[in-house]
Amino acid sequence: METRARTLVKSVLWTLLGLVVMIGVGFAFTGSLMVGGGMAVINAALGFVTYLVYERVWAGIRWGRHV
């Protein structure tokens, strides 16, 4: 079973990676670092919460695990 602290660290690192990628994508599509960055921050916040909940749900599912 995965600890909540591990899930949280994974979520933060994944969010930071996504933030960097989305800033680049937002800038490429809008030509504005401010607009692209704003889009990236909103996406990162939503993605962080979604991923955290997703990981915790899967942490409680025993299917496919070898114990």
C-alpha atoms as a PDB file:
ATOM      1  CA  MET A   1       0.000   0.000   0.000  1.00  0.00           C
ATOM      2  CA  GLU A   2       1.221   3.496  -0.810  1.00  0.00           C
ATOM      3  CA  THR A   3       1.426   6.108   1.936  1.00  0.00           C
ATOM      4  CA  ARG A   4      -0.409   9.411   1.653  1.00  0.00           C
ATOM      5  CA  ALA A   5       2.913  11.273   1.824  1.00  0.00           C
ATOM      6  CA  ARG A   6       4.226   9.343  -1.198  1.00  0.00           C
ATOM      7  CA  THR A   7       1.023  10.044  -3.105  1.00  0.00           C
ATOM      8  CA  LEU A   8       1.291  13.741  -2.255  1.00  0.00           C
ATOM      9  CA  VAL A   9       4.948  13.981  -3.382  1.00  0.00           C
ATOM     10  CA  LYS A  10       4.147  12.165  -6.628  1.00  0.00           C
ATOM     11  CA  SER A  11       1.215  14.517  -7.213  1.00  0.00           C
ATOM     12  CA  VAL A  12       3.307  17.649  -6.622  1.00  0.00           C
ATOM     13  CA  LEU A  13       6.118  16.496  -8.933  1.00  0.00           C
ATOM     14  CA  TRP A  14       3.657  15.467 -11.652  1.00  0.00           C
ATOM     15  CA  THR A  15       1.906  18.830 -11.349  1.00  0.00           C
ATOM     16  CA  LEU A  16       5.183  20.758 -11.665  1.00  0.00           C
ATOM     17  CA  LEU A  17       6.113  18.784 -14.772  1.00  0.00           C
ATOM     18  CA  GLY A  18       2.688  19.447 -16.265  1.00  0.00           C
ATOM     19  CA  LEU A  19       2.930  23.127 -15.377  1.00  0.00           C
ATOM     20  CA  VAL A  20       6.167  23.538 -17.297  1.00  0.00           C
ATOM     21  CA  VAL A  21       4.781  21.705 -20.327  1.00  0.00           C
ATOM     22  CA  MET A  22       1.518  23.657 -20.296  1.00  0.00           C
ATOM     23  CA  ILE A  23       3.299  27.006 -20.055  1.00  0.00           C
ATOM     24  CA  GLY A  24       5.124  26.089 -23.262  1.00  0.00           C
ATOM     25  CA  VAL A  25       1.964  24.906 -24.987  1.00  0.00           C
ATOM     26  CA  GLY A  26      -0.033  27.942 -23.826  1.00  0.00           C
ATOM     27  CA  PHE A  27       2.699  30.295 -25.019  1.00  0.00           C
ATOM     28  CA  ALA A  28       2.949  28.499 -28.375  1.00  0.00           C
ATOM     29  CA  PHE A  29      -0.797  28.831 -28.975  1.00  0.00           C
ATOM     30  CA  THR A  30      -1.367  32.337 -27.623  1.00  0.00           C
ATOM     31  CA  GLY A  31       1.983  34.070 -28.088  1.00  0.00           C
ATOM     32  CA  SER A  32       1.578  35.498 -24.591  1.00  0.00           C
ATOM     33  CA  LEU A  33       3.506  34.238 -21.589  1.00  0.00           C
ATOM     34  CA  MET A  34       0.903  35.746 -19.238  1.00  0.00           C
ATOM     35  CA  VAL A  35      -2.088  34.078 -20.928  1.00  0.00           C
ATOM     36  CA  GLY A  36      -0.213  30.811 -21.440  1.00  0.00           C
ATOM     37  CA  GLY A  37       1.010  30.886 -17.843  1.00  0.00           C
ATOM     38  CA  GLY A  38      -2.473  31.600 -16.530  1.00  0.00           C
ATOM     39  CA  MET A  39      -3.873  28.693 -18.492  1.00  0.00           C
ATOM     40  CA  ALA A  40      -1.074  26.492 -17.164  1.00  0.00           C
ATOM     41  CA  VAL A  41      -1.701  27.440 -13.532  1.00  0.00           C
ATOM     42  CA  ILE A  42      -5.432  26.684 -13.812  1.00  0.00           C
ATOM     43  CA  ASN A  43      -4.679  23.394 -15.543  1.00  0.00           C
ATOM     44  CA  ALA A  44      -2.054  22.483 -12.928  1.00  0.00           C
ATOM     45  CA  ALA A  45      -4.408  23.168 -10.017  1.00  0.00           C
ATOM     46  CA  LEU A  46      -7.202  21.082 -11.523  1.00  0.00           C
ATOM     47  CA  GLY A  47      -4.784  18.341 -12.539  1.00  0.00           C
ATOM     48  CA  PHE A  48      -3.219  18.213  -9.064  1.00  0.00           C
ATOM     49  CA  VAL A  49      -6.526  17.676  -7.300  1.00  0.00           C
ATOM     50  CA  THR A  50      -7.723  15.172  -9.899  1.00  0.00           C
ATOM     51  CA  TYR A  51      -4.498  13.158  -9.777  1.00  0.00           C
ATOM     52  CA  LEU A  52      -4.415  13.150  -5.969  1.00  0.00           C
ATOM     53  CA  VAL A  53      -7.962  11.789  -5.757  1.00  0.00           C
ATOM     54  CA  TYR A  54      -7.293   9.291  -8.572  1.00  0.00           C
ATOM     55  CA  GLU A  55      -4.184   7.917  -6.835  1.00  0.00           C
ATOM     56  CA  ARG A  56      -5.936   7.577  -3.481  1.00  0.00           C
ATOM     57  CA  VAL A  57      -8.855   5.725  -5.070  1.00  0.00           C
ATOM     58  CA  TRP A  58      -6.451   3.300  -6.766  1.00  0.00           C
ATOM     59  CA  ALA A  59      -4.471   2.885  -3.537  1.00  0.00           C
ATOM     60  CA  GLY A  60      -7.590   1.343  -2.015  1.00  0.00           C
ATOM     61  CA  ILE A  61      -8.269  -1.087  -4.869  1.00  0.00           C
ATOM     62  CA  ARG A  62      -6.737  -4.523  -4.313  1.00  0.00           C
ATOM     63  CA  TRP A  63      -7.254  -5.796  -7.875  1.00  0.00           C
ATOM     64  CA  GLY A  64      -4.061  -6.631  -9.738  1.00  0.00           C
ATOM     65  CA  ARG A  65      -1.757  -6.481  -6.716  1.00  0.00           C
ATOM     66  CA  HIS A  66       0.557  -9.163  -5.477  1.00  0.00           C
ATOM     67  CA  VAL A  67       0.773  -9.033  -1.707  1.00  0.00           C
END
